[in-house]
Amino acid sequence: MTIGFQFDNNYARLPDRFHTRLMPTPVRDPAWIALNERLARDLGLDPDAMRASADVFAGNVVPEGAEPLAQLYAGHQFGGWSPQLGDGRAILLGEHIHDDRRWDVVLKGSGPTPYSRMGDGRTAIGPVVREYLLSEAMHALGVPTTRALAAVTTGEPVLREAGPLPGAVLTRIASSHVRVGTFQVFAARGDVAALRLLFDHVVARHAPDARTPLDLLRHVMSVQAELVSRWMALGFVHGVMNTDNMTVSGETIDYGPCAFLEDYHPDTVFSSIDQLGRYAWKNQPDIALWNLAQFATALLPLMGDRDVAIREATETLEGFADLYAREWRARLSAKIGLDDMDKGHELLAIMAEDRRDFTNTFRMLATDPHALGDTARMDDWLARWTKRCPDVDAMRNANPVVIPRNHRVQQAIVTAEGGNYAEMHALHAVLSDPWTETEYNASYRAPAAPGERVTRTFCGT
């Protein structure tokens, strides 16, 4: 009985300076936390064979056709340049082919690599549970994202500031793991040949209609405008929008200090290390543009005369504001059922003033708007909004019933650390259908009680 991986590894065929080939570090006693059977079937894999193969998803056994490697990249982290980063605790097993699509299969927490920067290359169970729940919730909410295929424990502790914690490995699926920082590392080294190879690789994989670096820049701008507008419309705060965490595919990656808004305020920050609010909810579109400017800078060596290239890249980047504005208009208009940005922004201002729950306010607007009328300002807004005959169907399709509320995720993490995965599985089941009101998900819609609030999240390294 075989799992069914069909590997064809284009990234492994790039020159050695793109990556380091190495095997995952075996662990003591792998055991299952969760297997995403629906995703497994969508990828043409055999869940029963996977259940019997925890060793594969812990890194103890490498499946046939895999060519394990750690990818090299660089990046700006909180605006500061880091000339070499890379996969410090992740190993790309290979690229699985199914239905003419290519999927990276990565083990996260699979041991040290040359890019671990004095770290152990391992992952505690908490970050694995968080990424499993959050990435699958984002997928169900319609947001482009990496996916979680499997999670296993290692039978070994990892040492963190909180002390020893159970170790775990996540199997992540993505359309690729090429980041803005992947281009940056070769641009910084003056390796134009490597930039050209990377450009060709990305075009073939993600943007087959692109003929020039400017074409690729426009493509990445477009997918990022859509992605960030979806984050904003759901109240999602990524928390660590470094250039090494922006994929050229337009998928959400890195679920470390991320969280969803409850009491709405545009300045909200969750990440424990974001002391200046660089990655606050309201700043995410501007940071996306900043990151794209770094991407454009990395592409300059492929664009001929530097002065001309700078001018053309700058003119191209100036188009991001309109790209994003169109995407945000579509999202906010659907949320209020009217193509009226003034009305949408006015509602957000009322929500910020009253510290209303982001998700529940928009959902109630679609299902029971009269229940929101508890202040003179909101009453006035609702009266004017109602006269416009909003599109209720659009609102129901844009405003989810449930999100992965921070306290619920934290509860799942705490119980998993104790060896009980029931809360994780229950939460995953609820988040798999975020659009339907049921008796089962009723308790998951409630904001955190005062003693349950989670206001700071951590990267987990």
Protein backbone atom coordinates (compact mmCIF):
# COMPACT_ATOMS: atom_id res chain seq x y z
CA MET A 1 0.00 0.00 0.00
CA THR A 2 1.46 3.39 -1.05
CA ILE A 3 0.52 6.91 -0.08
CA GLY A 4 0.37 8.04 -3.70
CA PHE A 5 2.88 10.88 -3.96
CA GLN A 6 3.89 11.60 -7.56
CA PHE A 7 7.00 13.74 -7.31
CA ASP A 8 8.57 15.82 -10.07
CA ASN A 9 10.96 18.27 -8.46
CA ASN A 10 11.75 21.34 -10.55
CA TYR A 11 13.15 23.37 -7.66
CA ALA A 12 15.62 20.60 -6.85
CA ARG A 13 16.92 20.89 -10.41
CA LEU A 14 17.95 24.50 -9.87
CA PRO A 15 21.67 24.98 -9.08
CA ASP A 16 23.01 24.15 -5.63
CA ARG A 17 23.21 27.79 -4.59
CA PHE A 18 19.40 27.89 -4.46
CA HIS A 19 19.16 25.31 -1.69
CA THR A 20 20.88 22.76 0.48
CA ARG A 21 20.07 19.11 0.03
CA LEU A 22 19.61 17.30 3.33
CA MET A 23 17.43 14.69 4.98
CA PRO A 24 14.96 15.42 7.77
CA THR A 25 16.28 14.55 11.21
CA PRO A 26 14.52 11.42 12.52
CA VAL A 27 12.44 11.65 15.69
CA ARG A 28 11.87 9.22 18.53
CA ASP A 29 8.23 8.21 18.44
CA PRO A 30 5.90 9.75 15.82
CA ALA A 31 2.17 9.72 16.56
CA TRP A 32 -0.79 11.32 14.85
CA ILE A 33 -2.34 14.64 15.84
CA ALA A 34 -4.44 15.21 12.71
CA LEU A 35 -4.75 14.05 9.13
CA ASN A 36 -6.57 16.25 6.62
CA GLU A 37 -8.36 13.47 4.77
CA ARG A 38 -10.35 15.80 2.50
CA LEU A 39 -7.19 17.53 1.30
CA ALA A 40 -5.43 14.18 0.93
CA ARG A 41 -8.16 12.93 -1.40
CA ASP A 42 -8.13 16.20 -3.34
CA LEU A 43 -4.42 15.58 -3.94
CA GLY A 44 -4.99 12.00 -5.09
CA LEU A 45 -3.44 10.51 -1.95
CA ASP A 46 -4.62 7.51 0.07
CA PRO A 47 -5.67 8.51 3.62
CA ASP A 48 -5.61 4.92 4.85
CA ALA A 49 -2.02 4.47 3.70
CA MET A 50 -1.16 7.82 5.25
CA ARG A 51 -2.64 6.75 8.61
CA ALA A 52 -0.27 3.80 8.60
CA SER A 53 2.72 6.02 7.72
CA ALA A 54 3.24 8.51 10.54
CA ASP A 55 7.00 7.98 10.04
CA VAL A 56 6.76 9.69 6.64
CA PHE A 57 5.11 12.79 8.06
CA ALA A 58 7.61 13.00 10.92
CA GLY A 59 10.57 12.83 8.52
CA ASN A 60 11.79 9.39 9.62
CA VAL A 61 11.05 7.85 6.21
CA VAL A 62 11.44 9.74 2.95
CA PRO A 63 8.87 8.72 0.31
CA GLU A 64 9.99 7.48 -3.08
CA GLY A 65 10.71 10.28 -5.54
CA ALA A 66 11.29 12.94 -2.88
CA GLU A 67 14.46 15.05 -3.03
CA PRO A 68 14.58 16.80 0.35
CA LEU A 69 16.12 20.27 0.52
CA ALA A 70 16.08 23.51 2.48
CA GLN A 71 15.50 26.64 0.40
CA LEU A 72 17.69 29.74 0.57
CA TYR A 73 16.19 33.23 0.79
CA ALA A 74 16.77 36.59 2.45
CA GLY A 75 14.39 39.33 3.47
CA HIS A 76 13.44 42.51 5.24
CA GLN A 77 12.21 41.69 8.75
CA PHE A 78 10.28 44.57 10.34
CA GLY A 79 11.99 46.81 7.77
CA GLY A 80 15.53 45.66 8.61
CA TRP A 81 17.59 43.79 6.04
CA SER A 82 18.65 40.20 6.79
CA PRO A 83 21.05 39.06 4.04
CA GLN A 84 20.57 35.32 4.57
CA LEU A 85 17.59 33.55 6.07
CA GLY A 86 16.31 30.35 4.46
CA ASP A 87 14.37 27.37 5.74
CA GLY A 88 15.54 27.15 9.32
CA ARG A 89 13.05 24.48 10.39
CA ALA A 90 11.43 23.32 7.17
CA ILE A 91 12.41 20.87 4.46
CA LEU A 92 10.83 20.68 1.01
CA LEU A 93 10.33 16.99 0.27
CA GLY A 94 9.40 17.64 -3.34
CA GLU A 95 6.67 18.72 -5.75
CA HIS A 96 3.64 16.46 -5.97
CA ILE A 97 1.78 16.39 -9.30
CA HIS A 98 -1.96 15.83 -9.42
CA ASP A 99 -4.51 16.82 -12.07
CA ASP A 100 -1.84 18.81 -13.94
CA ARG A 101 -1.14 20.93 -10.86
CA ARG A 102 2.08 21.11 -8.88
CA TRP A 103 2.14 21.20 -5.08
CA ASP A 104 5.08 21.68 -2.74
CA VAL A 105 5.15 19.19 0.13
CA VAL A 106 7.06 20.62 3.11
CA LEU A 107 7.80 19.25 6.56
CA LYS A 108 7.89 22.06 9.12
CA GLY A 109 9.74 21.24 12.32
CA SER A 110 11.84 18.54 10.68
CA GLY A 111 15.20 19.42 12.23
CA PRO A 112 18.12 21.83 11.80
CA THR A 113 19.36 23.09 8.45
CA PRO A 114 22.28 25.34 7.47
CA TYR A 115 19.81 28.24 7.79
CA SER A 116 18.65 27.51 11.35
CA ARG A 117 20.69 30.41 12.79
CA MET A 118 21.56 28.61 16.06
CA GLY A 119 18.01 27.23 16.34
CA ASP A 120 17.05 23.60 16.82
CA GLY A 121 14.99 23.35 13.63
CA ARG A 122 12.10 21.93 15.61
CA THR A 123 8.55 23.11 16.24
CA ALA A 124 6.57 22.87 19.44
CA ILE A 125 3.05 21.52 19.20
CA GLY A 126 1.46 24.96 19.72
CA PRO A 127 2.60 26.54 16.42
CA VAL A 128 1.68 23.33 14.58
CA VAL A 129 -1.86 23.38 15.97
CA ARG A 130 -2.15 27.10 15.21
CA GLU A 131 -1.03 26.75 11.58
CA TYR A 132 -3.19 23.68 11.02
CA LEU A 133 -6.32 25.44 12.28
CA LEU A 134 -5.65 28.88 10.83
CA SER A 135 -4.55 27.82 7.36
CA GLU A 136 -7.49 25.46 6.94
CA ALA A 137 -9.89 28.11 8.24
CA MET A 138 -8.51 30.60 5.73
CA HIS A 139 -9.02 28.09 2.94
CA ALA A 140 -12.64 27.56 3.97
CA LEU A 141 -13.10 31.35 4.06
CA GLY A 142 -11.93 31.58 0.44
CA VAL A 143 -8.50 33.11 1.10
CA PRO A 144 -5.50 31.92 -0.96
CA THR A 145 -3.29 30.08 1.51
CA THR A 146 -0.87 27.31 2.17
CA ARG A 147 -2.66 24.21 3.47
CA ALA A 148 -2.15 21.74 6.29
CA LEU A 149 -2.08 18.10 5.19
CA ALA A 150 -0.93 16.40 8.38
CA ALA A 151 0.35 16.97 11.91
CA VAL A 152 2.24 14.48 14.06
CA THR A 153 3.98 14.55 17.42
CA THR A 154 7.63 13.59 17.60
CA GLY A 155 7.82 11.97 21.04
CA GLU A 156 10.56 14.46 21.88
CA PRO A 157 10.43 17.74 23.81
CA VAL A 158 11.58 21.07 22.43
CA LEU A 159 12.98 23.74 24.70
CA ARG A 160 11.45 27.21 24.55
CA GLU A 161 11.24 30.15 26.94
CA ALA A 162 8.22 28.55 28.59
CA GLY A 163 10.25 25.39 29.21
CA PRO A 164 10.06 21.97 27.55
CA LEU A 165 7.07 21.50 25.23
CA PRO A 166 5.93 18.54 23.13
CA GLY A 167 7.51 18.58 19.66
CA ALA A 168 5.52 18.22 16.46
CA VAL A 169 5.88 18.30 12.67
CA LEU A 170 3.41 19.90 10.24
CA THR A 171 3.10 18.84 6.60
CA ARG A 172 2.39 21.99 4.63
CA ILE A 173 1.08 22.06 1.05
CA ALA A 174 1.56 25.10 -1.20
CA SER A 175 1.58 25.94 -4.88
CA SER A 176 5.18 27.00 -4.19
CA HIS A 177 7.38 28.50 -1.49
CA VAL A 178 9.14 31.13 -3.62
CA ARG A 179 9.11 34.42 -1.75
CA VAL A 180 10.05 38.02 -2.44
CA GLY A 181 13.05 37.21 -0.27
CA THR A 182 14.09 34.44 -2.66
CA PHE A 183 14.64 37.06 -5.35
CA GLN A 184 16.22 39.44 -2.86
CA VAL A 185 19.01 37.10 -1.82
CA PHE A 186 20.35 36.74 -5.35
CA ALA A 187 19.90 40.42 -6.18
CA ALA A 188 21.87 41.33 -3.05
CA ARG A 189 24.65 38.97 -4.12
CA GLY A 190 24.75 40.36 -7.63
CA ASP A 191 23.96 36.91 -9.04
CA VAL A 192 22.11 37.89 -12.19
CA ALA A 193 22.31 34.38 -13.62
CA ALA A 194 20.49 33.01 -10.58
CA LEU A 195 17.89 35.78 -10.84
CA ARG A 196 17.25 34.83 -14.45
CA LEU A 197 16.84 31.16 -13.54
CA LEU A 198 14.47 32.06 -10.70
CA PHE A 199 12.48 34.36 -12.96
CA ASP A 200 12.06 31.58 -15.53
CA HIS A 201 11.09 29.09 -12.82
CA VAL A 202 8.41 31.38 -11.35
CA VAL A 203 7.00 32.39 -14.72
CA ALA A 204 6.63 28.74 -15.75
CA ARG A 205 4.96 27.87 -12.47
CA HIS A 206 2.80 30.90 -11.68
CA ALA A 207 2.64 33.41 -14.52
CA PRO A 208 2.95 31.68 -17.90
CA ASP A 209 1.75 34.79 -19.75
CA ALA A 210 4.54 36.94 -18.32
CA ARG A 211 7.25 37.80 -20.84
CA THR A 212 9.25 40.39 -18.93
CA PRO A 213 10.15 41.20 -15.32
CA LEU A 214 7.58 44.02 -15.42
CA ASP A 215 4.94 41.49 -16.44
CA LEU A 216 5.87 39.36 -13.45
CA LEU A 217 5.78 42.40 -11.17
CA ARG A 218 2.28 43.24 -12.40
CA HIS A 219 1.18 39.65 -11.79
CA VAL A 220 2.49 39.58 -8.23
CA MET A 221 0.97 43.00 -7.55
CA SER A 222 -2.41 41.68 -8.71
CA VAL A 223 -2.42 38.54 -6.58
CA GLN A 224 -1.19 40.44 -3.53
CA ALA A 225 -3.87 43.12 -3.93
CA GLU A 226 -6.51 40.40 -3.92
CA LEU A 227 -4.93 38.56 -1.00
CA VAL A 228 -4.56 41.54 1.32
CA SER A 229 -8.05 42.81 0.52
CA ARG A 230 -9.41 39.43 1.60
CA TRP A 231 -7.41 39.63 4.83
CA MET A 232 -8.79 43.08 5.53
CA ALA A 233 -12.38 42.05 4.81
CA LEU A 234 -12.17 39.24 7.36
CA GLY A 235 -10.38 41.24 10.04
CA PHE A 236 -7.26 39.10 9.69
CA VAL A 237 -3.99 40.51 11.01
CA HIS A 238 -1.01 38.61 9.61
CA GLY A 239 1.38 40.01 12.16
CA VAL A 240 4.68 39.40 10.38
CA MET A 241 4.50 40.73 6.83
CA ASN A 242 8.23 40.51 6.21
CA THR A 243 9.41 40.13 2.62
CA ASP A 244 10.41 36.55 3.35
CA ASN A 245 6.74 35.91 4.22
CA MET A 246 5.30 37.29 0.96
CA THR A 247 4.93 34.56 -1.64
CA VAL A 248 4.97 35.36 -5.35
CA SER A 249 2.06 32.92 -5.70
CA GLY A 250 -0.21 35.18 -3.63
CA GLU A 251 -0.82 32.59 -0.91
CA THR A 252 -0.90 33.38 2.80
CA ILE A 253 2.14 31.86 4.50
CA ASP A 254 3.51 31.86 8.05
CA TYR A 255 0.79 31.63 10.69
CA GLY A 256 2.99 32.61 13.64
CA PRO A 257 1.68 35.74 15.41
CA CYS A 258 -1.46 36.12 13.29
CA ALA A 259 -4.93 36.67 14.75
CA PHE A 260 -8.45 37.84 13.88
CA LEU A 261 -9.97 41.09 15.13
CA GLU A 262 -12.70 40.90 17.71
CA ASP A 263 -13.26 44.39 19.16
CA TYR A 264 -12.63 46.40 16.02
CA HIS A 265 -10.03 49.12 15.86
CA PRO A 266 -7.87 49.79 12.79
CA ASP A 267 -4.69 50.17 14.88
CA THR A 268 -4.96 46.66 16.32
CA VAL A 269 -1.70 44.72 16.64
CA PHE A 270 -1.32 41.22 18.07
CA SER A 271 2.31 40.24 17.45
CA SER A 272 4.37 40.40 20.64
CA ILE A 273 7.39 41.69 18.70
CA ASP A 274 5.59 44.38 16.69
CA GLN A 275 6.24 47.13 19.21
CA LEU A 276 5.68 50.02 16.79
CA GLY A 277 2.56 48.70 15.07
CA ARG A 278 4.23 48.27 11.68
CA TYR A 279 1.92 45.37 10.83
CA ALA A 280 -1.32 46.66 12.35
CA TRP A 281 -4.56 45.77 10.54
CA LYS A 282 -4.84 49.18 8.86
CA ASN A 283 -1.21 49.13 7.64
CA GLN A 284 -1.34 45.86 5.72
CA PRO A 285 -2.09 47.37 2.26
CA ASP A 286 0.77 49.88 2.64
CA ILE A 287 3.15 47.14 3.79
CA ALA A 288 2.15 45.02 0.81
CA LEU A 289 3.19 47.90 -1.46
CA TRP A 290 6.46 48.34 0.49
CA ASN A 291 7.21 44.65 0.01
CA LEU A 292 6.37 44.87 -3.67
CA ALA A 293 8.81 47.75 -4.01
CA GLN A 294 11.51 45.45 -2.63
CA PHE A 295 10.47 42.82 -5.17
CA ALA A 296 10.73 45.37 -7.97
CA THR A 297 14.18 46.39 -6.72
CA ALA A 298 15.31 42.76 -6.83
CA LEU A 299 14.10 42.48 -10.44
CA LEU A 300 16.02 45.57 -11.64
CA PRO A 301 19.15 43.64 -12.72
CA LEU A 302 16.98 41.77 -15.25
CA MET A 303 15.54 44.95 -16.76
CA GLY A 304 18.39 46.50 -18.76
CA ASP A 305 19.42 50.13 -18.32
CA ARG A 306 19.08 50.87 -14.60
CA ASP A 307 17.69 54.40 -14.88
CA VAL A 308 15.04 53.27 -17.35
CA ALA A 309 14.29 50.21 -15.24
CA ILE A 310 13.80 52.28 -12.09
CA ARG A 311 11.44 54.64 -13.89
CA GLU A 312 9.37 51.79 -15.37
CA ALA A 313 9.25 49.84 -12.12
CA THR A 314 8.19 52.96 -10.21
CA GLU A 315 5.43 53.69 -12.72
CA THR A 316 4.24 50.10 -12.45
CA LEU A 317 4.21 50.18 -8.65
CA GLU A 318 2.14 53.36 -8.73
CA GLY A 319 -0.65 51.22 -10.16
CA PHE A 320 -0.95 49.18 -6.97
CA ALA A 321 -3.16 51.76 -5.28
CA ASP A 322 -5.82 51.39 -7.96
CA LEU A 323 -5.48 47.59 -8.00
CA TYR A 324 -5.97 47.41 -4.27
CA ALA A 325 -8.76 50.00 -4.24
CA ARG A 326 -10.76 47.92 -6.73
CA GLU A 327 -10.30 44.75 -4.69
CA TRP A 328 -11.14 46.47 -1.39
CA ARG A 329 -14.19 48.14 -2.93
CA ALA A 330 -15.49 44.76 -4.08
CA ARG A 331 -14.97 43.21 -0.63
CA LEU A 332 -16.39 46.05 1.47
CA SER A 333 -19.31 46.60 -0.91
CA ALA A 334 -20.27 42.94 -0.60
CA LYS A 335 -20.02 43.13 3.19
CA ILE A 336 -22.55 45.98 3.43
CA GLY A 337 -24.58 45.00 0.35
CA LEU A 338 -24.06 48.38 -1.32
CA ASP A 339 -21.48 49.75 -3.72
CA ASP A 340 -20.87 52.74 -1.49
CA MET A 341 -17.43 53.11 0.09
CA ASP A 342 -18.48 56.13 2.13
CA LYS A 343 -21.17 54.05 3.81
CA GLY A 344 -18.70 51.23 4.41
CA HIS A 345 -16.06 53.47 5.94
CA GLU A 346 -18.67 55.23 8.06
CA LEU A 347 -19.77 51.88 9.46
CA LEU A 348 -16.16 50.96 10.26
CA ALA A 349 -15.75 54.27 12.08
CA ILE A 350 -18.84 53.54 14.20
CA MET A 351 -17.53 50.05 14.93
CA ALA A 352 -14.17 51.46 16.03
CA GLU A 353 -15.81 54.06 18.27
CA ASP A 354 -18.03 51.44 19.92
CA ARG A 355 -15.41 48.65 19.81
CA ARG A 356 -17.92 46.36 18.17
CA ASP A 357 -17.04 42.79 17.27
CA PHE A 358 -15.84 42.78 13.66
CA THR A 359 -17.23 39.43 12.51
CA ASN A 360 -20.50 39.45 14.42
CA THR A 361 -21.35 43.03 13.47
CA PHE A 362 -21.12 42.35 9.75
CA ARG A 363 -22.94 39.02 10.07
CA MET A 364 -25.78 40.60 12.05
CA LEU A 365 -26.00 43.31 9.41
CA ALA A 366 -26.78 40.54 6.92
CA THR A 367 -29.16 38.57 9.13
CA ASP A 368 -30.64 40.77 11.90
CA PRO A 369 -29.65 44.41 11.34
CA HIS A 370 -32.19 45.81 13.78
CA ALA A 371 -30.28 44.14 16.62
CA LEU A 372 -27.37 46.49 15.91
CA GLY A 373 -29.38 49.67 16.52
CA ASP A 374 -28.33 50.46 20.06
CA THR A 375 -26.81 53.95 19.65
CA ALA A 376 -28.05 57.11 17.96
CA ARG A 377 -25.18 57.05 15.47
CA MET A 378 -25.76 53.41 14.52
CA ASP A 379 -29.54 53.95 14.33
CA ASP A 380 -28.99 56.81 11.90
CA TRP A 381 -26.59 54.77 9.76
CA LEU A 382 -28.98 51.81 9.66
CA ALA A 383 -31.91 54.01 8.64
CA ARG A 384 -30.00 55.48 5.71
CA TRP A 385 -28.55 52.08 4.75
CA THR A 386 -31.96 50.34 4.79
CA LYS A 387 -33.44 52.88 2.36
CA ARG A 388 -30.84 51.79 -0.22
CA CYS A 389 -32.17 48.18 -0.37
CA PRO A 390 -28.86 46.36 0.28
CA ASP A 391 -28.07 43.05 -1.43
CA VAL A 392 -28.60 40.57 1.42
CA ASP A 393 -27.42 37.55 -0.57
CA ALA A 394 -24.09 39.23 -1.29
CA MET A 395 -23.77 40.10 2.39
CA ARG A 396 -24.42 36.54 3.55
CA ASN A 397 -21.75 35.30 1.14
CA ALA A 398 -19.23 37.89 2.32
CA ASN A 399 -19.73 37.79 6.09
CA PRO A 400 -18.90 34.48 7.77
CA VAL A 401 -20.64 33.07 10.80
CA VAL A 402 -17.49 31.84 12.51
CA ILE A 403 -13.79 32.63 12.42
CA PRO A 404 -10.89 31.09 14.37
CA ARG A 405 -11.29 33.27 17.43
CA ASN A 406 -8.03 33.75 19.27
CA HIS A 407 -9.17 32.33 22.61
CA ARG A 408 -10.58 29.23 20.93
CA VAL A 409 -7.30 28.62 19.12
CA GLN A 410 -5.43 29.12 22.37
CA GLN A 411 -7.70 26.63 24.15
CA ALA A 412 -6.98 24.07 21.43
CA ILE A 413 -3.25 24.66 21.83
CA VAL A 414 -3.28 24.32 25.61
CA THR A 415 -5.24 21.07 25.55
CA ALA A 416 -3.05 19.70 22.74
CA GLU A 417 0.03 20.43 24.81
CA GLY A 418 -1.52 18.15 27.39
CA GLY A 419 -2.06 15.39 24.84
CA ASN A 420 -5.77 15.99 24.22
CA TYR A 421 -6.68 16.90 20.63
CA ALA A 422 -10.46 16.87 20.99
CA GLU A 423 -10.78 20.66 21.13
CA MET A 424 -8.52 21.03 18.08
CA HIS A 425 -10.64 18.58 16.06
CA ALA A 426 -13.90 20.17 17.20
CA LEU A 427 -12.67 23.63 16.25
CA HIS A 428 -11.40 22.37 12.90
CA ALA A 429 -14.82 20.88 12.15
CA VAL A 430 -16.55 24.19 12.95
CA LEU A 431 -14.11 26.23 10.88
CA SER A 432 -14.50 23.92 7.89
CA ASP A 433 -17.98 25.39 7.32
CA PRO A 434 -17.75 29.06 8.28
CA TRP A 435 -20.80 30.26 6.35
CA THR A 436 -23.63 28.22 7.88
CA GLU A 437 -25.38 28.97 11.16
CA THR A 438 -25.89 25.74 13.12
CA GLU A 439 -26.60 24.77 16.70
CA TYR A 440 -23.17 23.13 16.77
CA ASN A 441 -21.25 26.30 15.96
CA ALA A 442 -23.37 28.66 18.08
CA SER A 443 -20.96 28.75 21.03
CA TYR A 444 -18.00 29.33 18.69
CA ARG A 445 -19.45 32.62 17.46
CA ALA A 446 -19.15 34.38 20.81
CA PRO A 447 -16.25 36.77 21.45
CA ALA A 448 -13.88 35.99 24.27
CA ALA A 449 -15.01 36.71 27.81
CA PRO A 450 -12.79 39.25 29.63
CA GLY A 451 -10.71 36.52 31.26
CA GLU A 452 -10.25 34.66 27.95
CA ARG A 453 -9.00 37.49 25.78
CA VAL A 454 -5.85 36.84 23.76
CA THR A 455 -4.23 40.18 22.94
CA ARG A 456 -0.68 39.02 22.19
CA THR A 457 0.44 36.25 19.86
CA PHE A 458 3.91 34.82 19.33
CA CYS A 459 5.94 33.52 16.41
CA GLY A 460 6.76 30.20 18.08
CA THR A 461 10.44 30.03 17.24
